Amino acid sequence: MSNLQFQGIKIKTIQSPDGVALLMENLWLRHKAGMKQRPYNVFMVELPPPTEELAEARCKRQENSRQDEPENSMAYGFNRDE
C-alpha cells in the first residue's frame, strides 16, 4: 500500500486482492472488538482493466436491462435522462 497526504486525510492505495482482504479483515476485527474506526481514512483500490470476457458480459447485461425497461419510463415517475 502506498500512502499519500491530501488535506490531512490519509489515503491508502491498495493494488492487490491480498491488500483488499487484509483491509476487510482489519475493519471486521476492529468492529468485532468494539473499537471505533479510524477517522479520515480513505482507501483507493486500483482495479486491473476488465478482461474481454468480463467486458462482453457487461455489454450483454446492459443490453438486456435496456430491453426490460418500459418504452415510456415517465409513466413510472422517473426519467432516465435526468
PDB file of N, CA and C in Angstrom:
ATOM      1  N   MET A   1       0.851  -1.180   0.000  1.00  0.00           N
ATOM      2  CA  MET A   1       0.000   0.000   0.000  1.00  0.00           C
ATOM      3  C   MET A   1       0.894   1.240   0.000  1.00  0.00           C
ATOM      4  N   SER A   2       0.583   2.170  -0.855  1.00  0.00           N
ATOM      5  CA  SER A   2       1.315   3.430  -0.814  1.00  0.00           C
ATOM      6  C   SER A   2       0.436   4.464  -0.120  1.00  0.00           C
ATOM      7  N   ASN A   3       1.057   5.413   0.539  1.00  0.00           N
ATOM      8  CA  ASN A   3       0.321   6.432   1.287  1.00  0.00           C
ATOM      9  C   ASN A   3       0.522   7.793   0.646  1.00  0.00           C
ATOM     10  N   LEU A   4      -0.518   8.571   0.570  1.00  0.00           N
ATOM     11  CA  LEU A   4      -0.486   9.940   0.065  1.00  0.00           C
ATOM     12  C   LEU A   4      -1.116  10.835   1.128  1.00  0.00           C
ATOM     13  N   GLN A   5      -0.737  12.090   1.163  1.00  0.00           N
ATOM     14  CA  GLN A   5      -1.369  13.034   2.081  1.00  0.00           C
ATOM     15  C   GLN A   5      -2.193  14.025   1.255  1.00  0.00           C
ATOM     16  N   PHE A   6      -3.427  14.239   1.657  1.00  0.00           N
ATOM     17  CA  PHE A   6      -4.318  15.148   0.936  1.00  0.00           C
ATOM     18  C   PHE A   6      -5.193  15.845   1.959  1.00  0.00           C
ATOM     19  N   GLN A   7      -4.897  17.107   2.258  1.00  0.00           N
ATOM     20  CA  GLN A   7      -5.668  17.917   3.194  1.00  0.00           C
ATOM     21  C   GLN A   7      -5.891  17.197   4.522  1.00  0.00           C
ATOM     22  N   GLY A   8      -4.846  16.614   5.069  1.00  0.00           N
ATOM     23  CA  GLY A   8      -4.948  15.957   6.364  1.00  0.00           C
ATOM     24  C   GLY A   8      -5.603  14.587   6.332  1.00  0.00           C
ATOM     25  N   ILE A   9      -6.002  14.125   5.165  1.00  0.00           N
ATOM     26  CA  ILE A   9      -6.633  12.821   5.031  1.00  0.00           C
ATOM     27  C   ILE A   9      -5.567  11.834   4.564  1.00  0.00           C
ATOM     28  N   LYS A  10      -5.490  10.728   5.241  1.00  0.00           N
ATOM     29  CA  LYS A  10      -4.527   9.705   4.870  1.00  0.00           C
ATOM     30  C   LYS A  10      -5.167   8.787   3.829  1.00  0.00           C
ATOM     31  N   ILE A  11      -4.623   8.803   2.612  1.00  0.00           N
ATOM     32  CA  ILE A  11      -5.153   7.991   1.529  1.00  0.00           C
ATOM     33  C   ILE A  11      -4.253   6.778   1.367  1.00  0.00           C
ATOM     34  N   LYS A  12      -4.843   5.608   1.426  1.00  0.00           N
ATOM     35  CA  LYS A  12      -4.095   4.376   1.223  1.00  0.00           C
ATOM     36  C   LYS A  12      -4.522   3.760  -0.098  1.00  0.00           C
ATOM     37  N   THR A  13      -3.545   3.473  -0.948  1.00  0.00           N
ATOM     38  CA  THR A  13      -3.814   2.858  -2.231  1.00  0.00           C
ATOM     39  C   THR A  13      -3.547   1.362  -2.126  1.00  0.00           C
ATOM     40  N   ILE A  14      -4.532   0.580  -2.499  1.00  0.00           N
ATOM     41  CA  ILE A  14      -4.417  -0.876  -2.456  1.00  0.00           C
ATOM     42  C   ILE A  14      -4.373  -1.371  -3.892  1.00  0.00           C
ATOM     43  N   GLN A  15      -3.364  -2.170  -4.195  1.00  0.00           N
ATOM     44  CA  GLN A  15      -3.178  -2.605  -5.573  1.00  0.00           C
ATOM     45  C   GLN A  15      -3.276  -4.115  -5.756  1.00  0.00           C
ATOM     46  N   SER A  16      -3.653  -4.854  -4.727  1.00  0.00           N
ATOM     47  CA  SER A  16      -3.715  -6.305  -4.873  1.00  0.00           C
ATOM     48  C   SER A  16      -4.926  -6.861  -4.134  1.00  0.00           C
ATOM     49  N   PRO A  17      -5.404  -8.020  -4.569  1.00  0.00           N
ATOM     50  CA  PRO A  17      -6.512  -8.669  -3.848  1.00  0.00           C
ATOM     51  C   PRO A  17      -6.149  -8.976  -2.397  1.00  0.00           C
ATOM     52  N   ASP A  18      -4.887  -9.320  -2.132  1.00  0.00           N
ATOM     53  CA  ASP A  18      -4.467  -9.591  -0.759  1.00  0.00           C
ATOM     54  C   ASP A  18      -4.581  -8.342   0.105  1.00  0.00           C
ATOM     55  N   GLY A  19      -4.267  -7.185  -0.470  1.00  0.00           N
ATOM     56  CA  GLY A  19      -4.386  -5.928   0.266  1.00  0.00           C
ATOM     57  C   GLY A  19      -5.831  -5.627   0.631  1.00  0.00           C
ATOM     58  N   VAL A  20      -6.755  -5.897  -0.290  1.00  0.00           N
ATOM     59  CA  VAL A  20      -8.178  -5.689  -0.016  1.00  0.00           C
ATOM     60  C   VAL A  20      -8.635  -6.655   1.077  1.00  0.00           C
ATOM     61  N   ALA A  21      -8.193  -7.908   0.992  1.00  0.00           N
ATOM     62  CA  ALA A  21      -8.574  -8.897   2.010  1.00  0.00           C
ATOM     63  C   ALA A  21      -8.061  -8.487   3.388  1.00  0.00           C
ATOM     64  N   LEU A  22      -6.834  -7.990   3.466  1.00  0.00           N
ATOM     65  CA  LEU A  22      -6.283  -7.547   4.743  1.00  0.00           C
ATOM     66  C   LEU A  22      -7.051  -6.354   5.300  1.00  0.00           C
ATOM     67  N   LEU A  23      -7.421  -5.422   4.423  1.00  0.00           N
ATOM     68  CA  LEU A  23      -8.200  -4.268   4.855  1.00  0.00           C
ATOM     69  C   LEU A  23      -9.537  -4.705   5.425  1.00  0.00           C
ATOM     70  N   MET A  24     -10.246  -5.577   4.717  1.00  0.00           N
ATOM     71  CA  MET A  24     -11.556  -6.033   5.174  1.00  0.00           C
ATOM     72  C   MET A  24     -11.432  -6.787   6.497  1.00  0.00           C
ATOM     73  N   GLU A  25     -10.400  -7.597   6.622  1.00  0.00           N
ATOM     74  CA  GLU A  25     -10.187  -8.323   7.870  1.00  0.00           C
ATOM     75  C   GLU A  25      -9.931  -7.356   9.026  1.00  0.00           C
ATOM     76  N   ASN A  26      -9.112  -6.343   8.777  1.00  0.00           N
ATOM     77  CA  ASN A  26      -8.814  -5.349   9.807  1.00  0.00           C
ATOM     78  C   ASN A  26     -10.072  -4.601  10.233  1.00  0.00           C
ATOM     79  N   LEU A  27     -10.873  -4.171   9.260  1.00  0.00           N
ATOM     80  CA  LEU A  27     -12.115  -3.447   9.574  1.00  0.00           C
ATOM     81  C   LEU A  27     -13.064  -4.339  10.381  1.00  0.00           C
ATOM     82  N   TRP A  28     -13.186  -5.609   9.989  1.00  0.00           N
ATOM     83  CA  TRP A  28     -14.080  -6.532  10.677  1.00  0.00           C
ATOM     84  C   TRP A  28     -13.616  -6.785  12.110  1.00  0.00           C
ATOM     85  N   LEU A  29     -12.311  -7.018  12.284  1.00  0.00           N
ATOM     86  CA  LEU A  29     -11.796  -7.291  13.628  1.00  0.00           C
ATOM     87  C   LEU A  29     -11.954  -6.082  14.549  1.00  0.00           C
ATOM     88  N   ARG A  30     -11.733  -4.888  14.015  1.00  0.00           N
ATOM     89  CA  ARG A  30     -11.937  -3.681  14.817  1.00  0.00           C
ATOM     90  C   ARG A  30     -13.410  -3.566  15.217  1.00  0.00           C
ATOM     91  N   HIS A  31     -14.304  -3.884  14.304  1.00  0.00           N
ATOM     92  CA  HIS A  31     -15.741  -3.837  14.595  1.00  0.00           C
ATOM     93  C   HIS A  31     -16.104  -4.862  15.681  1.00  0.00           C
ATOM     94  N   LYS A  32     -15.628  -6.110  15.509  1.00  0.00           N
ATOM     95  CA  LYS A  32     -15.944  -7.169  16.465  1.00  0.00           C
ATOM     96  C   LYS A  32     -15.379  -6.861  17.854  1.00  0.00           C
ATOM     97  N   ALA A  33     -14.237  -6.175  17.925  1.00  0.00           N
ATOM     98  CA  ALA A  33     -13.618  -5.842  19.205  1.00  0.00           C
ATOM     99  C   ALA A  33     -14.242  -4.597  19.830  1.00  0.00           C
ATOM    100  N   GLY A  34     -15.174  -3.963  19.104  1.00  0.00           N
ATOM    101  CA  GLY A  34     -15.833  -2.771  19.631  1.00  0.00           C
ATOM    102  C   GLY A  34     -14.995  -1.515  19.511  1.00  0.00           C
ATOM    103  N   MET A  35     -13.966  -1.571  18.714  1.00  0.00           N
ATOM    104  CA  MET A  35     -13.100  -0.399  18.525  1.00  0.00           C
ATOM    105  C   MET A  35     -13.709   0.518  17.471  1.00  0.00           C
ATOM    106  N   LYS A  36     -13.539   1.804  17.675  1.00  0.00           N
ATOM    107  CA  LYS A  36     -14.017   2.758  16.689  1.00  0.00           C
ATOM    108  C   LYS A  36     -13.118   2.697  15.460  1.00  0.00           C
ATOM    109  N   GLN A  37     -13.732   2.964  14.322  1.00  0.00           N
ATOM    110  CA  GLN A  37     -12.941   3.008  13.095  1.00  0.00           C
ATOM    111  C   GLN A  37     -12.097   4.270  13.089  1.00  0.00           C
ATOM    112  N   ARG A  38     -10.985   4.200  12.438  1.00  0.00           N
ATOM    113  CA  ARG A  38     -10.108   5.357  12.365  1.00  0.00           C
ATOM    114  C   ARG A  38     -10.765   6.430  11.502  1.00  0.00           C
ATOM    115  N   PRO A  39     -10.838   7.658  12.002  1.00  0.00           N
ATOM    116  CA  PRO A  39     -11.475   8.721  11.209  1.00  0.00           C
ATOM    117  C   PRO A  39     -10.563   9.164  10.069  1.00  0.00           C
ATOM    118  N   TYR A  40     -11.174   9.638   9.023  1.00  0.00           N
ATOM    119  CA  TYR A  40     -10.487  10.255   7.901  1.00  0.00           C
ATOM    120  C   TYR A  40      -9.575   9.310   7.137  1.00  0.00           C
ATOM    121  N   ASN A  41      -9.806   8.026   7.200  1.00  0.00           N
ATOM    122  CA  ASN A  41      -9.065   7.095   6.359  1.00  0.00           C
ATOM    123  C   ASN A  41      -9.808   6.943   5.043  1.00  0.00           C
ATOM    124  N   VAL A  42      -9.084   7.021   3.959  1.00  0.00           N
ATOM    125  CA  VAL A  42      -9.650   6.849   2.633  1.00  0.00           C
ATOM    126  C   VAL A  42      -8.874   5.729   1.963  1.00  0.00           C
ATOM    127  N   PHE A  43      -9.590   4.769   1.408  1.00  0.00           N
ATOM    128  CA  PHE A  43      -8.954   3.647   0.742  1.00  0.00           C
ATOM    129  C   PHE A  43      -9.302   3.685  -0.733  1.00  0.00           C
ATOM    130  N   MET A  44      -8.284   3.674  -1.567  1.00  0.00           N
ATOM    131  CA  MET A  44      -8.478   3.668  -3.010  1.00  0.00           C
ATOM    132  C   MET A  44      -7.965   2.325  -3.520  1.00  0.00           C
ATOM    133  N   VAL A  45      -8.823   1.592  -4.206  1.00  0.00           N
ATOM    134  CA  VAL A  45      -8.437   0.293  -4.741  1.00  0.00           C
ATOM    135  C   VAL A  45      -8.242   0.453  -6.239  1.00  0.00           C
ATOM    136  N   GLU A  46      -7.044   0.133  -6.690  1.00  0.00           N
ATOM    137  CA  GLU A  46      -6.744   0.194  -8.117  1.00  0.00           C
ATOM    138  C   GLU A  46      -7.077  -1.154  -8.734  1.00  0.00           C
ATOM    139  N   LEU A  47      -8.124  -1.166  -9.544  1.00  0.00           N
ATOM    140  CA  LEU A  47      -8.564  -2.403 -10.177  1.00  0.00           C
ATOM    141  C   LEU A  47      -7.863  -2.597 -11.515  1.00  0.00           C
ATOM    142  N   PRO A  48      -7.585  -3.830 -11.868  1.00  0.00           N
ATOM    143  CA  PRO A  48      -6.998  -4.080 -13.188  1.00  0.00           C
ATOM    144  C   PRO A  48      -8.064  -3.852 -14.257  1.00  0.00           C
ATOM    145  N   PRO A  49      -7.652  -3.615 -15.491  1.00  0.00           N
ATOM    146  CA  PRO A  49      -8.651  -3.445 -16.550  1.00  0.00           C
ATOM    147  C   PRO A  49      -9.453  -4.740 -16.718  1.00  0.00           C
ATOM    148  N   PRO A  50     -10.719  -4.611 -17.106  1.00  0.00           N
ATOM    149  CA  PRO A  50     -11.544  -5.812 -17.251  1.00  0.00           C
ATOM    150  C   PRO A  50     -11.039  -6.696 -18.396  1.00  0.00           C
ATOM    151  N   THR A  51     -11.229  -7.983 -18.241  1.00  0.00           N
ATOM    152  CA  THR A  51     -10.876  -8.909 -19.310  1.00  0.00           C
ATOM    153  C   THR A  51     -11.907  -8.775 -20.425  1.00  0.00           C
ATOM    154  N   GLU A  52     -11.587  -9.305 -21.590  1.00  0.00           N
ATOM    155  CA  GLU A  52     -12.532  -9.251 -22.707  1.00  0.00           C
ATOM    156  C   GLU A  52     -13.831  -9.963 -22.345  1.00  0.00           C
ATOM    157  N   GLU A  53     -13.706 -11.081 -21.643  1.00  0.00           N
ATOM    158  CA  GLU A  53     -14.884 -11.848 -21.243  1.00  0.00           C
ATOM    159  C   GLU A  53     -15.779 -11.030 -20.323  1.00  0.00           C
ATOM    160  N   LEU A  54     -15.187 -10.331 -19.356  1.00  0.00           N
ATOM    161  CA  LEU A  54     -15.966  -9.509 -18.439  1.00  0.00           C
ATOM    162  C   LEU A  54     -16.596  -8.325 -19.168  1.00  0.00           C
ATOM    163  N   ALA A  55     -15.852  -7.706 -20.081  1.00  0.00           N
ATOM    164  CA  ALA A  55     -16.383  -6.574 -20.845  1.00  0.00           C
ATOM    165  C   ALA A  55     -17.581  -7.005 -21.681  1.00  0.00           C
ATOM    166  N   GLU A  56     -17.496  -8.176 -22.302  1.00  0.00           N
ATOM    167  CA  GLU A  56     -18.619  -8.681 -23.099  1.00  0.00           C
ATOM    168  C   GLU A  56     -19.830  -8.958 -22.219  1.00  0.00           C
ATOM    169  N   ALA A  57     -19.607  -9.541 -21.045  1.00  0.00           N
ATOM    170  CA  ALA A  57     -20.714  -9.836 -20.130  1.00  0.00           C
ATOM    171  C   ALA A  57     -21.397  -8.550 -19.688  1.00  0.00           C
ATOM    172  N   ARG A  58     -20.614  -7.501 -19.421  1.00  0.00           N
ATOM    173  CA  ARG A  58     -21.205  -6.214 -19.024  1.00  0.00           C
ATOM    174  C   ARG A  58     -22.053  -5.634 -20.144  1.00  0.00           C
ATOM    175  N   CYS A  59     -21.557  -5.709 -21.382  1.00  0.00           N
ATOM    176  CA  CYS A  59     -22.324  -5.192 -22.518  1.00  0.00           C
ATOM    177  C   CYS A  59     -23.652  -5.930 -22.663  1.00  0.00           C
ATOM    178  N   LYS A  60     -23.610  -7.260 -22.556  1.00  0.00           N
ATOM    179  CA  LYS A  60     -24.833  -8.055 -22.684  1.00  0.00           C
ATOM    180  C   LYS A  60     -25.812  -7.708 -21.571  1.00  0.00           C
ATOM    181  N   ARG A  61     -25.301  -7.539 -20.347  1.00  0.00           N
ATOM    182  CA  ARG A  61     -26.168  -7.203 -19.217  1.00  0.00           C
ATOM    183  C   ARG A  61     -26.826  -5.841 -19.430  1.00  0.00           C
ATOM    184  N   GLN A  62     -26.057  -4.862 -19.947  1.00  0.00           N
ATOM    185  CA  GLN A  62     -26.627  -3.536 -20.201  1.00  0.00           C
ATOM    186  C   GLN A  62     -27.680  -3.600 -21.296  1.00  0.00           C
ATOM    187  N   GLU A  63     -27.434  -4.378 -22.349  1.00  0.00           N
ATOM    188  CA  GLU A  63     -28.413  -4.518 -23.423  1.00  0.00           C
ATOM    189  C   GLU A  63     -29.692  -5.158 -22.901  1.00  0.00           C
ATOM    190  N   ASN A  64     -29.542  -6.192 -22.069  1.00  0.00           N
ATOM    191  CA  ASN A  64     -30.724  -6.861 -21.510  1.00  0.00           C
ATOM    192  C   ASN A  64     -31.508  -5.938 -20.598  1.00  0.00           C
ATOM    193  N   SER A  65     -30.822  -5.120 -19.807  1.00  0.00           N
ATOM    194  CA  SER A  65     -31.545  -4.223 -18.902  1.00  0.00           C
ATOM    195  C   SER A  65     -32.280  -3.144 -19.691  1.00  0.00           C
ATOM    196  N   ARG A  66     -31.725  -2.727 -20.814  1.00  0.00           N
ATOM    197  CA  ARG A  66     -32.421  -1.733 -21.658  1.00  0.00           C
ATOM    198  C   ARG A  66     -33.674  -2.328 -22.271  1.00  0.00           C
ATOM    199  N   GLN A  67     -33.633  -3.592 -22.641  1.00  0.00           N
ATOM    200  CA  GLN A  67     -34.796  -4.245 -23.230  1.00  0.00           C
ATOM    201  C   GLN A  67     -35.900  -4.426 -22.207  1.00  0.00           C
ATOM    202  N   ASP A  68     -35.562  -4.549 -20.936  1.00  0.00           N
ATOM    203  CA  ASP A  68     -36.547  -4.749 -19.879  1.00  0.00           C
ATOM    204  C   ASP A  68     -37.258  -3.464 -19.472  1.00  0.00           C
ATOM    205  N   GLU A  69     -36.698  -2.307 -19.835  1.00  0.00           N
ATOM    206  CA  GLU A  69     -37.304  -1.036 -19.447  1.00  0.00           C
ATOM    207  C   GLU A  69     -38.552  -0.765 -20.278  1.00  0.00           C
ATOM    208  N   PRO A  70     -39.558  -0.169 -19.666  1.00  0.00           N
ATOM    209  CA  PRO A  70     -40.746   0.196 -20.438  1.00  0.00           C
ATOM    210  C   PRO A  70     -40.401   1.317 -21.416  1.00  0.00           C
ATOM    211  N   GLU A  71     -41.123   1.354 -22.535  1.00  0.00           N
ATOM    212  CA  GLU A  71     -40.845   2.374 -23.546  1.00  0.00           C
ATOM    213  C   GLU A  71     -41.074   3.774 -23.000  1.00  0.00           C
ATOM    214  N   ASN A  72     -42.103   3.933 -22.190  1.00  0.00           N
ATOM    215  CA  ASN A  72     -42.397   5.237 -21.633  1.00  0.00           C
ATOM    216  C   ASN A  72     -42.076   5.200 -20.140  1.00  0.00           C
ATOM    217  N   SER A  73     -40.826   5.464 -19.798  1.00  0.00           N
ATOM    218  CA  SER A  73     -40.427   5.380 -18.397  1.00  0.00           C
ATOM    219  C   SER A  73     -41.057   6.486 -17.559  1.00  0.00           C
ATOM    220  N   MET A  74     -41.570   7.531 -18.182  1.00  0.00           N
ATOM    221  CA  MET A  74     -42.208   8.613 -17.431  1.00  0.00           C
ATOM    222  C   MET A  74     -43.486   8.116 -16.763  1.00  0.00           C
ATOM    223  N   ALA A  75     -44.072   7.055 -17.270  1.00  0.00           N
ATOM    224  CA  ALA A  75     -45.286   6.517 -16.667  1.00  0.00           C
ATOM    225  C   ALA A  75     -45.013   5.999 -15.257  1.00  0.00           C
ATOM    226  N   TYR A  76     -43.764   5.670 -14.962  1.00  0.00           N
ATOM    227  CA  TYR A  76     -43.405   5.177 -13.641  1.00  0.00           C
ATOM    228  C   TYR A  76     -42.806   6.248 -12.754  1.00  0.00           C
ATOM    229  N   GLY A  77     -42.810   7.483 -13.211  1.00  0.00           N
ATOM    230  CA  GLY A  77     -42.385   8.598 -12.354  1.00  0.00           C
ATOM    231  C   GLY A  77     -40.900   8.910 -12.380  1.00  0.00           C
ATOM    232  N   PHE A  78     -40.178   8.403 -13.356  1.00  0.00           N
ATOM    233  CA  PHE A  78     -38.773   8.769 -13.427  1.00  0.00           C
ATOM    234  C   PHE A  78     -38.366   8.931 -14.885  1.00  0.00           C
ATOM    235  N   ASN A  79     -37.350   9.737 -15.061  1.00  0.00           N
ATOM    236  CA  ASN A  79     -36.825   9.976 -16.397  1.00  0.00           C
ATOM    237  C   ASN A  79     -35.349   9.636 -16.367  1.00  0.00           C
ATOM    238  N   ARG A  80     -34.914   8.751 -17.184  1.00  0.00           N
ATOM    239  CA  ARG A  80     -33.534   8.292 -17.189  1.00  0.00           C
ATOM    240  C   ARG A  80     -32.545   9.386 -17.554  1.00  0.00           C
ATOM    241  N   ASP A  81     -32.988  10.383 -18.310  1.00  0.00           N
ATOM    242  CA  ASP A  81     -32.088  11.442 -18.773  1.00  0.00           C
ATOM    243  C   ASP A  81     -31.761  12.445 -17.699  1.00  0.00           C
ATOM    244  N   GLU A  82     -32.461  12.430 -16.585  1.00  0.00           N
ATOM    245  CA  GLU A  82     -32.221  13.412 -15.530  1.00  0.00           C
ATOM    246  C   GLU A  82     -31.101  12.975 -14.636  1.00  0.00           C
TER     247      GLU A  82
END
